[in-house]
Amino acid sequence: MLDIDDKVYRYTMDFSVQAGIETDPPALREGIRRHMASARTVVTTETLERIGHVHLSVMINTAARFGLSLGEVMMEAIRNGSQPVASLCAAVSSRKNGARRKQQKPDLRLV
């Protein structure tokens, strides 16, 4: 695990303990590893270090609530500029849901 990944993990783990949130450490470590790997497909490790472990932890938690990866959030941030993470996640999520709706068969009802 890279240094920034470890900082994000330790910060998230410490926050969970202080907040009294039950956490599975191996699952948390694996989840953070996956999110950080997806982010590295979009930006460099140096960029992630400049963003900082606290912001990355918040971004990962917000992305996870919306069922997104950190890489998807990073792509949206690059595309739309600096915005709050929740609004970026909502935009990606609604776009993904819109694409899914188009794939569904329309219902035909006879009246």
Protein backbone atom coordinates (compact mmCIF):
# COMPACT_ATOMS: atom_id res chain seq x y z
CA MET A 1 0.00 0.00 0.00
CA LEU A 2 1.40 3.39 -0.93
CA ASP A 3 2.00 6.10 1.65
CA ILE A 4 -1.08 8.19 0.74
CA ASP A 5 -3.24 5.05 0.76
CA ASP A 6 -1.98 4.24 4.25
CA LYS A 7 -2.69 7.79 5.46
CA VAL A 8 -6.25 7.62 4.10
CA TYR A 9 -6.75 4.23 5.78
CA ARG A 10 -5.38 5.39 9.15
CA TYR A 11 -7.42 8.61 9.10
CA THR A 12 -10.62 6.74 8.18
CA MET A 13 -9.97 4.07 10.80
CA ASP A 14 -9.24 6.67 13.53
CA PHE A 15 -12.36 8.63 12.57
CA SER A 16 -14.47 5.44 12.73
CA VAL A 17 -13.13 4.55 16.17
CA GLN A 18 -13.72 8.07 17.53
CA ALA A 19 -17.23 8.15 16.07
CA GLY A 20 -18.01 4.70 17.47
CA ILE A 21 -18.64 3.20 14.04
CA GLU A 22 -18.00 -0.53 13.81
CA THR A 23 -15.50 -1.18 11.05
CA ASP A 24 -13.96 -4.30 9.55
CA PRO A 25 -10.29 -3.26 9.13
CA PRO A 26 -9.39 -5.70 6.31
CA ALA A 27 -12.54 -4.78 4.35
CA LEU A 28 -11.87 -1.06 4.91
CA ARG A 29 -8.27 -1.43 3.75
CA GLU A 30 -9.40 -3.32 0.61
CA GLY A 31 -12.12 -0.77 -0.13
CA ILE A 32 -9.71 2.14 0.15
CA ARG A 33 -7.19 0.28 -2.01
CA ARG A 34 -9.82 -0.19 -4.76
CA HIS A 35 -10.95 3.44 -4.61
CA MET A 36 -7.37 4.73 -4.73
CA ALA A 37 -6.51 2.40 -7.62
CA SER A 38 -9.48 3.73 -9.59
CA ALA A 39 -8.39 7.30 -8.83
CA ARG A 40 -4.89 6.52 -10.12
CA THR A 41 -6.37 5.70 -13.51
CA VAL A 42 -7.44 9.36 -13.68
CA VAL A 43 -4.77 11.33 -11.77
CA THR A 44 -1.22 10.72 -10.56
CA THR A 45 -0.18 9.70 -7.07
CA GLU A 46 1.38 13.15 -6.65
CA THR A 47 -1.98 14.75 -7.35
CA LEU A 48 -3.63 12.49 -4.78
CA GLU A 49 -1.00 13.53 -2.24
CA ARG A 50 -1.72 17.21 -2.98
CA ILE A 51 -5.44 16.62 -2.45
CA GLY A 52 -4.61 15.22 0.99
CA HIS A 53 -5.69 12.20 2.97
CA VAL A 54 -8.53 13.97 4.80
CA HIS A 55 -10.22 15.16 1.60
CA LEU A 56 -9.66 11.79 -0.07
CA SER A 57 -11.26 10.00 2.88
CA VAL A 58 -14.32 12.26 2.67
CA MET A 59 -14.49 11.81 -1.11
CA ILE A 60 -14.29 8.01 -0.79
CA ASN A 61 -17.04 7.93 1.84
CA THR A 62 -19.29 10.18 -0.25
CA ALA A 63 -18.61 8.22 -3.44
CA ALA A 64 -19.38 4.95 -1.62
CA ARG A 65 -22.72 6.35 -0.42
CA PHE A 66 -23.64 7.01 -4.05
CA GLY A 67 -22.30 3.63 -5.21
CA LEU A 68 -19.47 5.22 -7.21
CA SER A 69 -15.72 4.83 -7.34
CA LEU A 70 -13.28 7.58 -6.49
CA GLY A 71 -12.10 7.46 -10.11
CA GLU A 72 -15.60 8.34 -11.35
CA VAL A 73 -15.75 11.27 -8.94
CA MET A 74 -12.30 12.46 -10.09
CA MET A 75 -13.38 12.32 -13.75
CA GLU A 76 -16.47 14.39 -12.95
CA ALA A 77 -14.37 16.89 -11.01
CA ILE A 78 -11.98 17.28 -13.94
CA ARG A 79 -14.89 17.66 -16.32
CA ASN A 80 -16.94 20.14 -14.28
CA GLY A 81 -14.31 21.90 -12.22
CA SER A 82 -14.21 22.32 -8.48
CA GLN A 83 -17.52 21.54 -6.79
CA PRO A 84 -18.65 19.91 -3.55
CA VAL A 85 -18.19 16.13 -3.69
CA ALA A 86 -21.86 15.36 -3.00
CA SER A 87 -23.04 17.35 -6.02
CA LEU A 88 -20.44 15.66 -8.23
CA CYS A 89 -21.60 12.24 -7.02
CA ALA A 90 -25.25 13.17 -7.57
CA ALA A 91 -24.47 14.26 -11.14
CA VAL A 92 -22.64 11.02 -11.97
CA SER A 93 -25.27 8.90 -10.25
CA SER A 94 -28.18 10.55 -12.06
CA ARG A 95 -26.36 10.24 -15.39
CA LYS A 96 -25.71 6.53 -14.74
CA ASN A 97 -29.34 5.98 -13.71
CA GLY A 98 -30.53 7.82 -16.81
CA ALA A 99 -28.46 5.49 -18.98
CA ARG A 100 -29.97 2.48 -17.23
CA ARG A 101 -33.52 3.72 -17.72
CA LYS A 102 -33.01 3.96 -21.48
CA GLN A 103 -32.01 0.30 -21.59
CA GLN A 104 -35.22 -0.87 -19.92
CA LYS A 105 -38.13 -2.00 -22.06
CA PRO A 106 -41.03 0.43 -22.09
CA ASP A 107 -44.33 -0.79 -20.66
CA LEU A 108 -47.28 -0.87 -23.00
CA ARG A 109 -50.66 -0.54 -21.35
CA LEU A 110 -53.95 -0.78 -23.14
CA VAL A 111 -56.69 1.41 -21.81
